[in-house]
Amino acid sequence: MVAPAVTHGSMHRAMERGGLGAMLVAGVLVGICTVPCSGAIYLDIVAILHAAGGGTTGLALLALYNIAFVVPLVALLAAVSDRRVLGRLGRWNRANSPSVKLGLALAVIAMSFGLLLTL
């Protein structure tokens, strides 16, 4: 799901003119669009924690999950805010794309088996 290329320039200009308000609206729109992807995983995690008994332990594990979910995003945001680092990451990703894809696929498969074993 990508916005048409012809709209990219106008969206960028609108966000620059709009300031903080436009950034907040854009953030809400991005959040709504990512719910189908991250929301399903989040719902699964909450269901597993509820099935495990919930309570204080479940709440602590949910907090830990949220920290583990947000910390890499914040680290990535910090890394890509520097154009030099962003360029190096882009070059590294293009050079290692097959290995990165394989590693991510194996990680998802391993996590899936891990979830299945907890049921």
PDB file of N, CA and C in Angstrom:
ATOM      1  N   MET A   1       0.842  -1.169   0.000  1.00  0.00           N
ATOM      2  CA  MET A   1       0.000   0.000   0.000  1.00  0.00           C
ATOM      3  C   MET A   1       0.890   1.235   0.000  1.00  0.00           C
ATOM      4  N   VAL A   2       0.905   1.896  -1.134  1.00  0.00           N
ATOM      5  CA  VAL A   2       1.735   3.084  -1.290  1.00  0.00           C
ATOM      6  C   VAL A   2       0.890   4.179  -1.900  1.00  0.00           C
ATOM      7  N   ALA A   3       1.102   5.395  -1.422  1.00  0.00           N
ATOM      8  CA  ALA A   3       0.420   6.532  -2.035  1.00  0.00           C
ATOM      9  C   ALA A   3       0.965   6.717  -3.451  1.00  0.00           C
ATOM     10  N   PRO A   4       0.130   7.166  -4.366  1.00  0.00           N
ATOM     11  CA  PRO A   4       0.609   7.382  -5.733  1.00  0.00           C
ATOM     12  C   PRO A   4       1.788   8.352  -5.753  1.00  0.00           C
ATOM     13  N   ALA A   5       2.747   8.090  -6.625  1.00  0.00           N
ATOM     14  CA  ALA A   5       3.968   8.898  -6.688  1.00  0.00           C
ATOM     15  C   ALA A   5       3.665  10.371  -6.957  1.00  0.00           C
ATOM     16  N   VAL A   6       2.614  10.657  -7.699  1.00  0.00           N
ATOM     17  CA  VAL A   6       2.303  12.056  -8.023  1.00  0.00           C
ATOM     18  C   VAL A   6       1.885  12.848  -6.785  1.00  0.00           C
ATOM     19  N   THR A   7       1.484  12.171  -5.716  1.00  0.00           N
ATOM     20  CA  THR A   7       1.044  12.880  -4.508  1.00  0.00           C
ATOM     21  C   THR A   7       2.175  13.125  -3.507  1.00  0.00           C
ATOM     22  N   HIS A   8       3.334  12.501  -3.714  1.00  0.00           N
ATOM     23  CA  HIS A   8       4.413  12.615  -2.732  1.00  0.00           C
ATOM     24  C   HIS A   8       4.852  14.063  -2.509  1.00  0.00           C
ATOM     25  N   GLY A   9       5.044  14.813  -3.582  1.00  0.00           N
ATOM     26  CA  GLY A   9       5.497  16.198  -3.449  1.00  0.00           C
ATOM     27  C   GLY A   9       4.496  17.053  -2.701  1.00  0.00           C
ATOM     28  N   SER A  10       3.222  16.933  -3.049  1.00  0.00           N
ATOM     29  CA  SER A  10       2.208  17.756  -2.384  1.00  0.00           C
ATOM     30  C   SER A  10       2.043  17.356  -0.921  1.00  0.00           C
ATOM     31  N   MET A  11       2.157  16.062  -0.616  1.00  0.00           N
ATOM     32  CA  MET A  11       2.064  15.632   0.781  1.00  0.00           C
ATOM     33  C   MET A  11       3.245  16.179   1.582  1.00  0.00           C
ATOM     34  N   HIS A  12       4.428  16.142   0.999  1.00  0.00           N
ATOM     35  CA  HIS A  12       5.620  16.644   1.684  1.00  0.00           C
ATOM     36  C   HIS A  12       5.490  18.147   1.952  1.00  0.00           C
ATOM     37  N   ARG A  13       5.049  18.900   0.960  1.00  0.00           N
ATOM     38  CA  ARG A  13       4.869  20.350   1.140  1.00  0.00           C
ATOM     39  C   ARG A  13       3.812  20.649   2.194  1.00  0.00           C
ATOM     40  N   ALA A  14       2.733  19.886   2.196  1.00  0.00           N
ATOM     41  CA  ALA A  14       1.673  20.103   3.182  1.00  0.00           C
ATOM     42  C   ALA A  14       2.184  19.854   4.595  1.00  0.00           C
ATOM     43  N   MET A  15       2.995  18.820   4.764  1.00  0.00           N
ATOM     44  CA  MET A  15       3.535  18.544   6.091  1.00  0.00           C
ATOM     45  C   MET A  15       4.509  19.635   6.527  1.00  0.00           C
ATOM     46  N   GLU A  16       5.309  20.162   5.581  1.00  0.00           N
ATOM     47  CA  GLU A  16       6.240  21.240   5.929  1.00  0.00           C
ATOM     48  C   GLU A  16       5.485  22.501   6.331  1.00  0.00           C
ATOM     49  N   ARG A  17       4.426  22.843   5.602  1.00  0.00           N
ATOM     50  CA  ARG A  17       3.645  24.042   5.911  1.00  0.00           C
ATOM     51  C   ARG A  17       2.831  23.868   7.177  1.00  0.00           C
ATOM     52  N   GLY A  18       2.347  22.661   7.400  1.00  0.00           N
ATOM     53  CA  GLY A  18       1.440  22.414   8.511  1.00  0.00           C
ATOM     54  C   GLY A  18       2.105  22.377   9.870  1.00  0.00           C
ATOM     55  N   GLY A  19       3.397  22.155   9.928  1.00  0.00           N
ATOM     56  CA  GLY A  19       4.108  22.119  11.191  1.00  0.00           C
ATOM     57  C   GLY A  19       3.721  20.935  12.052  1.00  0.00           C
ATOM     58  N   LEU A  20       3.665  21.174  13.348  1.00  0.00           N
ATOM     59  CA  LEU A  20       3.416  20.108  14.314  1.00  0.00           C
ATOM     60  C   LEU A  20       2.050  19.464  14.118  1.00  0.00           C
ATOM     61  N   GLY A  21       1.035  20.270  13.839  1.00  0.00           N
ATOM     62  CA  GLY A  21      -0.313  19.731  13.639  1.00  0.00           C
ATOM     63  C   GLY A  21      -0.364  18.736  12.493  1.00  0.00           C
ATOM     64  N   ALA A  22       0.266  19.098  11.369  1.00  0.00           N
ATOM     65  CA  ALA A  22       0.273  18.206  10.212  1.00  0.00           C
ATOM     66  C   ALA A  22       1.051  16.934  10.512  1.00  0.00           C
ATOM     67  N   MET A  23       2.143  17.068  11.270  1.00  0.00           N
ATOM     68  CA  MET A  23       2.908  15.876  11.632  1.00  0.00           C
ATOM     69  C   MET A  23       2.088  14.943  12.514  1.00  0.00           C
ATOM     70  N   LEU A  24       1.313  15.507  13.448  1.00  0.00           N
ATOM     71  CA  LEU A  24       0.469  14.680  14.304  1.00  0.00           C
ATOM     72  C   LEU A  24      -0.613  13.969  13.493  1.00  0.00           C
ATOM     73  N   VAL A  25      -1.241  14.692  12.561  1.00  0.00           N
ATOM     74  CA  VAL A  25      -2.255  14.075  11.709  1.00  0.00           C
ATOM     75  C   VAL A  25      -1.619  12.969  10.861  1.00  0.00           C
ATOM     76  N   ALA A  26      -0.442  13.239  10.292  1.00  0.00           N
ATOM     77  CA  ALA A  26       0.247  12.228   9.488  1.00  0.00           C
ATOM     78  C   ALA A  26       0.588  11.014  10.347  1.00  0.00           C
ATOM     79  N   GLY A  27       1.006  11.236  11.581  1.00  0.00           N
ATOM     80  CA  GLY A  27       1.317  10.129  12.483  1.00  0.00           C
ATOM     81  C   GLY A  27       0.097   9.278  12.780  1.00  0.00           C
ATOM     82  N   VAL A  28      -1.053   9.920  12.987  1.00  0.00           N
ATOM     83  CA  VAL A  28      -2.296   9.181  13.229  1.00  0.00           C
ATOM     84  C   VAL A  28      -2.665   8.366  11.994  1.00  0.00           C
ATOM     85  N   LEU A  29      -2.541   8.960  10.809  1.00  0.00           N
ATOM     86  CA  LEU A  29      -2.855   8.235   9.574  1.00  0.00           C
ATOM     87  C   LEU A  29      -1.924   7.033   9.378  1.00  0.00           C
ATOM     88  N   VAL A  30      -0.643   7.223   9.663  1.00  0.00           N
ATOM     89  CA  VAL A  30       0.300   6.102   9.555  1.00  0.00           C
ATOM     90  C   VAL A  30      -0.067   5.023  10.572  1.00  0.00           C
ATOM     91  N   GLY A  31      -0.426   5.438  11.774  1.00  0.00           N
ATOM     92  CA  GLY A  31      -0.830   4.475  12.798  1.00  0.00           C
ATOM     93  C   GLY A  31      -2.034   3.660  12.372  1.00  0.00           C
ATOM     94  N   ILE A  32      -3.022   4.328  11.790  1.00  0.00           N
ATOM     95  CA  ILE A  32      -4.220   3.625  11.321  1.00  0.00           C
ATOM     96  C   ILE A  32      -3.847   2.628  10.227  1.00  0.00           C
ATOM     97  N   CYS A  33      -2.944   3.028   9.342  1.00  0.00           N
ATOM     98  CA  CYS A  33      -2.565   2.152   8.233  1.00  0.00           C
ATOM     99  C   CYS A  33      -1.714   0.965   8.678  1.00  0.00           C
ATOM    100  N   THR A  34      -1.030   1.079   9.810  1.00  0.00           N
ATOM    101  CA  THR A  34      -0.181  -0.025  10.267  1.00  0.00           C
ATOM    102  C   THR A  34      -0.902  -1.003  11.180  1.00  0.00           C
ATOM    103  N   VAL A  35      -2.129  -0.670  11.597  1.00  0.00           N
ATOM    104  CA  VAL A  35      -2.880  -1.567  12.486  1.00  0.00           C
ATOM    105  C   VAL A  35      -3.047  -2.969  11.895  1.00  0.00           C
ATOM    106  N   PRO A  36      -3.376  -3.121  10.603  1.00  0.00           N
ATOM    107  CA  PRO A  36      -3.518  -4.481  10.089  1.00  0.00           C
ATOM    108  C   PRO A  36      -2.249  -5.326  10.228  1.00  0.00           C
ATOM    109  N   CYS A  37      -1.091  -4.690  10.233  1.00  0.00           N
ATOM    110  CA  CYS A  37       0.159  -5.440  10.342  1.00  0.00           C
ATOM    111  C   CYS A  37       0.527  -5.677  11.805  1.00  0.00           C
ATOM    112  N   SER A  38       0.751  -4.611  12.545  1.00  0.00           N
ATOM    113  CA  SER A  38       1.208  -4.765  13.924  1.00  0.00           C
ATOM    114  C   SER A  38       0.067  -5.080  14.878  1.00  0.00           C
ATOM    115  N   GLY A  39      -1.154  -4.703  14.545  1.00  0.00           N
ATOM    116  CA  GLY A  39      -2.291  -4.953  15.431  1.00  0.00           C
ATOM    117  C   GLY A  39      -2.575  -6.422  15.621  1.00  0.00           C
ATOM    118  N   ALA A  40      -2.433  -7.213  14.563  1.00  0.00           N
ATOM    119  CA  ALA A  40      -2.687  -8.649  14.669  1.00  0.00           C
ATOM    120  C   ALA A  40      -1.688  -9.311  15.613  1.00  0.00           C
ATOM    121  N   ILE A  41      -0.439  -8.929  15.503  1.00  0.00           N
ATOM    122  CA  ILE A  41       0.594  -9.488  16.381  1.00  0.00           C
ATOM    123  C   ILE A  41       0.329  -9.058  17.821  1.00  0.00           C
ATOM    124  N   TYR A  42      -0.021  -7.792  18.004  1.00  0.00           N
ATOM    125  CA  TYR A  42      -0.293  -7.268  19.344  1.00  0.00           C
ATOM    126  C   TYR A  42      -1.475  -8.002  19.971  1.00  0.00           C
ATOM    127  N   LEU A  43      -2.525  -8.233  19.193  1.00  0.00           N
ATOM    128  CA  LEU A  43      -3.688  -8.955  19.694  1.00  0.00           C
ATOM    129  C   LEU A  43      -3.307 -10.379  20.098  1.00  0.00           C
ATOM    130  N   ASP A  44      -2.455 -11.022  19.314  1.00  0.00           N
ATOM    131  CA  ASP A  44      -1.981 -12.368  19.664  1.00  0.00           C
ATOM    132  C   ASP A  44      -1.220 -12.360  20.988  1.00  0.00           C
ATOM    133  N   ILE A  45      -0.358 -11.390  21.159  1.00  0.00           N
ATOM    134  CA  ILE A  45       0.426 -11.296  22.399  1.00  0.00           C
ATOM    135  C   ILE A  45      -0.500 -11.101  23.591  1.00  0.00           C
ATOM    136  N   VAL A  46      -1.482 -10.210  23.465  1.00  0.00           N
ATOM    137  CA  VAL A  46      -2.424  -9.971  24.564  1.00  0.00           C
ATOM    138  C   VAL A  46      -3.228 -11.236  24.859  1.00  0.00           C
ATOM    139  N   ALA A  47      -3.639 -11.966  23.821  1.00  0.00           N
ATOM    140  CA  ALA A  47      -4.398 -13.207  24.025  1.00  0.00           C
ATOM    141  C   ALA A  47      -3.550 -14.249  24.758  1.00  0.00           C
ATOM    142  N   ILE A  48      -2.291 -14.378  24.392  1.00  0.00           N
ATOM    143  CA  ILE A  48      -1.402 -15.341  25.051  1.00  0.00           C
ATOM    144  C   ILE A  48      -1.193 -14.957  26.510  1.00  0.00           C
ATOM    145  N   LEU A  49      -0.996 -13.670  26.775  1.00  0.00           N
ATOM    146  CA  LEU A  49      -0.817 -13.228  28.159  1.00  0.00           C
ATOM    147  C   LEU A  49      -2.086 -13.464  28.969  1.00  0.00           C
ATOM    148  N   HIS A  50      -3.245 -13.237  28.362  1.00  0.00           N
ATOM    149  CA  HIS A  50      -4.504 -13.488  29.065  1.00  0.00           C
ATOM    150  C   HIS A  50      -4.668 -14.976  29.353  1.00  0.00           C
ATOM    151  N   ALA A  51      -4.350 -15.825  28.376  1.00  0.00           N
ATOM    152  CA  ALA A  51      -4.471 -17.270  28.561  1.00  0.00           C
ATOM    153  C   ALA A  51      -3.500 -17.774  29.634  1.00  0.00           C
ATOM    154  N   ALA A  52      -2.379 -17.082  29.797  1.00  0.00           N
ATOM    155  CA  ALA A  52      -1.389 -17.491  30.790  1.00  0.00           C
ATOM    156  C   ALA A  52      -1.782 -17.063  32.202  1.00  0.00           C
ATOM    157  N   GLY A  53      -2.889 -16.372  32.346  1.00  0.00           N
ATOM    158  CA  GLY A  53      -3.336 -16.000  33.681  1.00  0.00           C
ATOM    159  C   GLY A  53      -3.418 -14.510  33.907  1.00  0.00           C
ATOM    160  N   GLY A  54      -2.802 -13.725  33.064  1.00  0.00           N
ATOM    161  CA  GLY A  54      -2.891 -12.267  33.195  1.00  0.00           C
ATOM    162  C   GLY A  54      -2.327 -11.783  34.513  1.00  0.00           C
ATOM    163  N   GLY A  55      -3.064 -10.921  35.193  1.00  0.00           N
ATOM    164  CA  GLY A  55      -2.643 -10.394  36.482  1.00  0.00           C
ATOM    165  C   GLY A  55      -1.412  -9.511  36.377  1.00  0.00           C
ATOM    166  N   THR A  56      -0.702  -9.407  37.476  1.00  0.00           N
ATOM    167  CA  THR A  56       0.484  -8.561  37.540  1.00  0.00           C
ATOM    168  C   THR A  56       1.579  -9.061  36.610  1.00  0.00           C
ATOM    169  N   THR A  57       1.746 -10.375  36.551  1.00  0.00           N
ATOM    170  CA  THR A  57       2.767 -10.945  35.668  1.00  0.00           C
ATOM    171  C   THR A  57       2.438 -10.641  34.215  1.00  0.00           C
ATOM    172  N   GLY A  58       1.170 -10.819  33.845  1.00  0.00           N
ATOM    173  CA  GLY A  58       0.755 -10.521  32.476  1.00  0.00           C
ATOM    174  C   GLY A  58       0.960  -9.059  32.122  1.00  0.00           C
ATOM    175  N   LEU A  59       0.650  -8.164  33.068  1.00  0.00           N
ATOM    176  CA  LEU A  59       0.838  -6.737  32.840  1.00  0.00           C
ATOM    177  C   LEU A  59       2.324  -6.401  32.684  1.00  0.00           C
ATOM    178  N   ALA A  60       3.162  -7.016  33.508  1.00  0.00           N
ATOM    179  CA  ALA A  60       4.606  -6.788  33.402  1.00  0.00           C
ATOM    180  C   ALA A  60       5.143  -7.307  32.074  1.00  0.00           C
ATOM    181  N   LEU A  61       4.670  -8.478  31.635  1.00  0.00           N
ATOM    182  CA  LEU A  61       5.106  -9.019  30.348  1.00  0.00           C
ATOM    183  C   LEU A  61       4.618  -8.159  29.187  1.00  0.00           C
ATOM    184  N   LEU A  62       3.406  -7.594  29.300  1.00  0.00           N
ATOM    185  CA  LEU A  62       2.903  -6.694  28.268  1.00  0.00           C
ATOM    186  C   LEU A  62       3.753  -5.429  28.203  1.00  0.00           C
ATOM    187  N   ALA A  63       4.138  -4.904  29.361  1.00  0.00           N
ATOM    188  CA  ALA A  63       5.018  -3.731  29.381  1.00  0.00           C
ATOM    189  C   ALA A  63       6.370  -4.064  28.755  1.00  0.00           C
ATOM    190  N   LEU A  64       6.903  -5.237  29.078  1.00  0.00           N
ATOM    191  CA  LEU A  64       8.171  -5.664  28.497  1.00  0.00           C
ATOM    192  C   LEU A  64       8.054  -5.796  26.977  1.00  0.00           C
ATOM    193  N   TYR A  65       6.945  -6.370  26.506  1.00  0.00           N
ATOM    194  CA  TYR A  65       6.723  -6.495  25.058  1.00  0.00           C
ATOM    195  C   TYR A  65       6.690  -5.117  24.406  1.00  0.00           C
ATOM    196  N   ASN A  66       5.979  -4.171  25.026  1.00  0.00           N
ATOM    197  CA  ASN A  66       5.895  -2.828  24.457  1.00  0.00           C
ATOM    198  C   ASN A  66       7.258  -2.151  24.412  1.00  0.00           C
ATOM    199  N   ILE A  67       8.044  -2.327  25.447  1.00  0.00           N
ATOM    200  CA  ILE A  67       9.397  -1.755  25.452  1.00  0.00           C
ATOM    201  C   ILE A  67      10.227  -2.396  24.350  1.00  0.00           C
ATOM    202  N   ALA A  68      10.145  -3.725  24.235  1.00  0.00           N
ATOM    203  CA  ALA A  68      10.913  -4.435  23.207  1.00  0.00           C
ATOM    204  C   ALA A  68      10.447  -4.058  21.804  1.00  0.00           C
ATOM    205  N   PHE A  69       9.191  -3.668  21.652  1.00  0.00           N
ATOM    206  CA  PHE A  69       8.657  -3.267  20.357  1.00  0.00           C
ATOM    207  C   PHE A  69       9.071  -1.844  20.010  1.00  0.00           C
ATOM    208  N   VAL A  70       9.115  -0.952  20.993  1.00  0.00           N
ATOM    209  CA  VAL A  70       9.361   0.462  20.745  1.00  0.00           C
ATOM    210  C   VAL A  70      10.853   0.798  20.690  1.00  0.00           C
ATOM    211  N   VAL A  71      11.671   0.169  21.520  1.00  0.00           N
ATOM    212  CA  VAL A  71      13.096   0.510  21.576  1.00  0.00           C
ATOM    213  C   VAL A  71      13.788   0.371  20.210  1.00  0.00           C
ATOM    214  N   PRO A  72      13.583  -0.719  19.465  1.00  0.00           N
ATOM    215  CA  PRO A  72      14.218  -0.780  18.140  1.00  0.00           C
ATOM    216  C   PRO A  72      13.723   0.314  17.194  1.00  0.00           C
ATOM    217  N   LEU A  73      12.452   0.698  17.311  1.00  0.00           N
ATOM    218  CA  LEU A  73      11.933   1.773  16.462  1.00  0.00           C
ATOM    219  C   LEU A  73      12.598   3.107  16.790  1.00  0.00           C
ATOM    220  N   VAL A  74      12.779   3.373  18.078  1.00  0.00           N
ATOM    221  CA  VAL A  74      13.445   4.611  18.491  1.00  0.00           C
ATOM    222  C   VAL A  74      14.907   4.588  18.047  1.00  0.00           C
ATOM    223  N   ALA A  75      15.576   3.445  18.191  1.00  0.00           N
ATOM    224  CA  ALA A  75      16.972   3.324  17.744  1.00  0.00           C
ATOM    225  C   ALA A  75      17.081   3.536  16.241  1.00  0.00           C
ATOM    226  N   LEU A  76      16.152   2.964  15.485  1.00  0.00           N
ATOM    227  CA  LEU A  76      16.150   3.151  14.040  1.00  0.00           C
ATOM    228  C   LEU A  76      15.909   4.605  13.676  1.00  0.00           C
ATOM    229  N   LEU A  77      14.977   5.249  14.358  1.00  0.00           N
ATOM    230  CA  LEU A  77      14.718   6.665  14.112  1.00  0.00           C
ATOM    231  C   LEU A  77      15.962   7.502  14.391  1.00  0.00           C
ATOM    232  N   ALA A  78      16.651   7.203  15.477  1.00  0.00           N
ATOM    233  CA  ALA A  78      17.884   7.938  15.803  1.00  0.00           C
ATOM    234  C   ALA A  78      18.950   7.703  14.737  1.00  0.00           C
ATOM    235  N   ALA A  79      19.040   6.465  14.251  1.00  0.00           N
ATOM    236  CA  ALA A  79      20.060   6.150  13.240  1.00  0.00           C
ATOM    237  C   ALA A  79      19.780   6.861  11.920  1.00  0.00           C
ATOM    238  N   VAL A  80      18.536   6.845  11.477  1.00  0.00           N
ATOM    239  CA  VAL A  80      18.240   7.410  10.156  1.00  0.00           C
ATOM    240  C   VAL A  80      18.081   8.925  10.175  1.00  0.00           C
ATOM    241  N   SER A  81      18.121   9.534  11.350  1.00  0.00           N
ATOM    242  CA  SER A  81      18.042  10.991  11.393  1.00  0.00           C
ATOM    243  C   SER A  81      19.363  11.629  10.937  1.00  0.00           C
ATOM    244  N   ASP A  82      20.429  10.846  10.874  1.00  0.00           N
ATOM    245  CA  ASP A  82      21.717  11.308  10.347  1.00  0.00           C
ATOM    246  C   ASP A  82      21.846  10.797   8.906  1.00  0.00           C
ATOM    247  N   ARG A  83      21.925  11.713   7.949  1.00  0.00           N
ATOM    248  CA  ARG A  83      21.958  11.333   6.531  1.00  0.00           C
ATOM    249  C   ARG A  83      23.144  10.432   6.186  1.00  0.00           C
ATOM    250  N   ARG A  84      24.279  10.638   6.828  1.00  0.00           N
ATOM    251  CA  ARG A  84      25.434   9.776   6.542  1.00  0.00           C
ATOM    252  C   ARG A  84      25.168   8.342   6.979  1.00  0.00           C
ATOM    253  N   VAL A  85      24.605   8.198   8.174  1.00  0.00           N
ATOM    254  CA  VAL A  85      24.281   6.863   8.678  1.00  0.00           C
ATOM    255  C   VAL A  85      23.212   6.228   7.790  1.00  0.00           C
ATOM    256  N   LEU A  86      22.216   7.010   7.387  1.00  0.00           N
ATOM    257  CA  LEU A  86      21.158   6.503   6.517  1.00  0.00           C
ATOM    258  C   LEU A  86      21.733   6.000   5.194  1.00  0.00           C
ATOM    259  N   GLY A  87      22.676   6.751   4.618  1.00  0.00           N
ATOM    260  CA  GLY A  87      23.312   6.325   3.368  1.00  0.00           C
ATOM    261  C   GLY A  87      24.084   5.026   3.540  1.00  0.00           C
ATOM    262  N   ARG A  88      24.826   4.925   4.642  1.00  0.00           N
ATOM    263  CA  ARG A  88      25.587   3.699   4.900  1.00  0.00           C
ATOM    264  C   ARG A  88      24.667   2.501   5.111  1.00  0.00           C
ATOM    265  N   LEU A  89      23.574   2.723   5.855  1.00  0.00           N
ATOM    266  CA  LEU A  89      22.614   1.632   6.075  1.00  0.00           C
ATOM    267  C   LEU A  89      21.967   1.198   4.765  1.00  0.00           C
ATOM    268  N   GLY A  90      21.637   2.163   3.912  1.00  0.00           N
ATOM    269  CA  GLY A  90      21.035   1.835   2.618  1.00  0.00           C
ATOM    270  C   GLY A  90      21.980   1.024   1.746  1.00  0.00           C
ATOM    271  N   ARG A  91      23.246   1.441   1.694  1.00  0.00           N
ATOM    272  CA  ARG A  91      24.231   0.698   0.901  1.00  0.00           C
ATOM    273  C   ARG A  91      24.441  -0.708   1.466  1.00  0.00           C
ATOM    274  N   TRP A  92      24.524  -0.810   2.796  1.00  0.00           N
ATOM    275  CA  TRP A  92      24.709  -2.119   3.422  1.00  0.00           C
ATOM    276  C   TRP A  92      23.506  -3.018   3.131  1.00  0.00           C
ATOM    277  N   ASN A  93      22.300  -2.453   3.234  1.00  0.00           N
ATOM    278  CA  ASN A  93      21.090  -3.241   2.997  1.00  0.00           C
ATOM    279  C   ASN A  93      21.021  -3.739   1.553  1.00  0.00           C
ATOM    280  N   ARG A  94      21.373  -2.889   0.587  1.00  0.00           N
ATOM    281  CA  ARG A  94      21.361  -3.317  -0.817  1.00  0.00           C
ATOM    282  C   ARG A  94      22.403  -4.404  -1.064  1.00  0.00           C
ATOM    283  N   ALA A  95      23.559  -4.274  -0.438  1.00  0.00           N
ATOM    284  CA  ALA A  95      24.629  -5.258  -0.640  1.00  0.00           C
ATOM    285  C   ALA A  95      24.306  -6.593   0.028  1.00  0.00           C
ATOM    286  N   ASN A  96      23.558  -6.554   1.109  1.00  0.00           N
ATOM    287  CA  ASN A  96      23.280  -7.769   1.882  1.00  0.00           C
ATOM    288  C   ASN A  96      21.812  -8.173   1.847  1.00  0.00           C
ATOM    289  N   SER A  97      21.063  -7.697   0.880  1.00  0.00           N
ATOM    290  CA  SER A  97      19.622  -7.916   0.833  1.00  0.00           C
ATOM    291  C   SER A  97      19.214  -9.390   0.905  1.00  0.00           C
ATOM    292  N   PRO A  98      19.825 -10.287   0.136  1.00  0.00           N
ATOM    293  CA  PRO A  98      19.400 -11.697   0.240  1.00  0.00           C
ATOM    294  C   PRO A  98      19.620 -12.271   1.643  1.00  0.00           C
ATOM    295  N   SER A  99      20.742 -11.946   2.253  1.00  0.00           N
ATOM    296  CA  SER A  99      21.025 -12.453   3.602  1.00  0.00           C
ATOM    297  C   SER A  99      20.066 -11.859   4.624  1.00  0.00           C
ATOM    298  N   VAL A 100      19.755 -10.576   4.478  1.00  0.00           N
ATOM    299  CA  VAL A 100      18.829  -9.916   5.401  1.00  0.00           C
ATOM    300  C   VAL A 100      17.452 -10.555   5.289  1.00  0.00           C
ATOM    301  N   LYS A 101      16.982 -10.781   4.061  1.00  0.00           N
ATOM    302  CA  LYS A 101      15.667 -11.399   3.867  1.00  0.00           C
ATOM    303  C   LYS A 101      15.632 -12.807   4.443  1.00  0.00           C
ATOM    304  N   LEU A 102      16.678 -13.580   4.213  1.00  0.00           N
ATOM    305  CA  LEU A 102      16.740 -14.933   4.752  1.00  0.00           C
ATOM    306  C   LEU A 102      16.747 -14.905   6.283  1.00  0.00           C
ATOM    307  N   GLY A 103      17.552 -14.015   6.855  1.00  0.00           N
ATOM    308  CA  GLY A 103      17.612 -13.902   8.311  1.00  0.00           C
ATOM    309  C   GLY A 103      16.272 -13.516   8.913  1.00  0.00           C
ATOM    310  N   LEU A 104      15.578 -12.563   8.296  1.00  0.00           N
ATOM    311  CA  LEU A 104      14.265 -12.162   8.795  1.00  0.00           C
ATOM    312  C   LEU A 104      13.258 -13.300   8.669  1.00  0.00           C
ATOM    313  N   ALA A 105      13.293 -14.015   7.550  1.00  0.00           N
ATOM    314  CA  ALA A 105      12.376 -15.145   7.361  1.00  0.00           C
ATOM    315  C   ALA A 105      12.623 -16.224   8.413  1.00  0.00           C
ATOM    316  N   LEU A 106      13.874 -16.544   8.675  1.00  0.00           N
ATOM    317  CA  LEU A 106      14.199 -17.552   9.689  1.00  0.00           C
ATOM    318  C   LEU A 106      13.774 -17.099  11.082  1.00  0.00           C
ATOM    319  N   ALA A 107      13.948 -15.813  11.359  1.00  0.00           N
ATOM    320  CA  ALA A 107      13.535 -15.283  12.665  1.00  0.00           C
ATOM    321  C   ALA A 107      12.023 -15.397  12.849  1.00  0.00           C
ATOM    322  N   VAL A 108      11.250 -15.063  11.812  1.00  0.00           N
ATOM    323  CA  VAL A 108       9.791 -15.166  11.901  1.00  0.00           C
ATOM    324  C   VAL A 108       9.368 -16.625  12.072  1.00  0.00           C
ATOM    325  N   ILE A 109       9.992 -17.527  11.348  1.00  0.00           N
ATOM    326  CA  ILE A 109       9.670 -18.952  11.486  1.00  0.00           C
ATOM    327  C   ILE A 109       9.997 -19.437  12.897  1.00  0.00           C
ATOM    328  N   ALA A 110      11.154 -19.046  13.424  1.00  0.00           N
ATOM    329  CA  ALA A 110      11.550 -19.451  14.782  1.00  0.00           C
ATOM    330  C   ALA A 110      10.568 -18.910  15.817  1.00  0.00           C
ATOM    331  N   MET A 111      10.158 -17.657  15.672  1.00  0.00           N
ATOM    332  CA  MET A 111       9.186 -17.082  16.602  1.00  0.00           C
ATOM    333  C   MET A 111       7.844 -17.790  16.508  1.00  0.00           C
ATOM    334  N   SER A 112       7.447 -18.173  15.294  1.00  0.00           N
ATOM    335  CA  SER A 112       6.182 -18.884  15.122  1.00  0.00           C
ATOM    336  C   SER A 112       6.217 -20.228  15.837  1.00  0.00           C
ATOM    337  N   PHE A 113       7.307 -20.957  15.684  1.00  0.00           N
ATOM    338  CA  PHE A 113       7.430 -22.231  16.395  1.00  0.00           C
ATOM    339  C   PHE A 113       7.479 -22.018  17.904  1.00  0.00           C
ATOM    340  N   GLY A 114       8.141 -20.949  18.316  1.00  0.00           N
ATOM    341  CA  GLY A 114       8.176 -20.633  19.746  1.00  0.00           C
ATOM    342  C   GLY A 114       6.795 -20.365  20.298  1.00  0.00           C
ATOM    343  N   LEU A 115       5.971 -19.630  19.550  1.00  0.00           N
ATOM    344  CA  LEU A 115       4.597 -19.379  19.981  1.00  0.00           C
ATOM    345  C   LEU A 115       3.782 -20.666  20.011  1.00  0.00           C
ATOM    346  N   LEU A 116       3.970 -21.504  18.998  1.00  0.00           N
ATOM    347  CA  LEU A 116       3.234 -22.771  18.963  1.00  0.00           C
ATOM    348  C   LEU A 116       3.597 -23.656  20.151  1.00  0.00           C
ATOM    349  N   LEU A 117       4.845 -23.649  20.550  1.00  0.00           N
ATOM    350  CA  LEU A 117       5.277 -24.505  21.665  1.00  0.00           C
ATOM    351  C   LEU A 117       4.737 -24.014  23.001  1.00  0.00           C
ATOM    352  N   THR A 118       4.357 -22.727  23.089  1.00  0.00           N
ATOM    353  CA  THR A 118       3.828 -22.208  24.359  1.00  0.00           C
ATOM    354  C   THR A 118       2.363 -22.533  24.554  1.00  0.00           C
ATOM    355  N   LEU A 119       1.692 -22.968  23.475  1.00  0.00           N
ATOM    356  CA  LEU A 119       0.244 -23.248  23.602  1.00  0.00           C
ATOM    357  C   LEU A 119      -0.023 -24.567  24.266  1.00  0.00           C
TER     358      LEU A 119
END
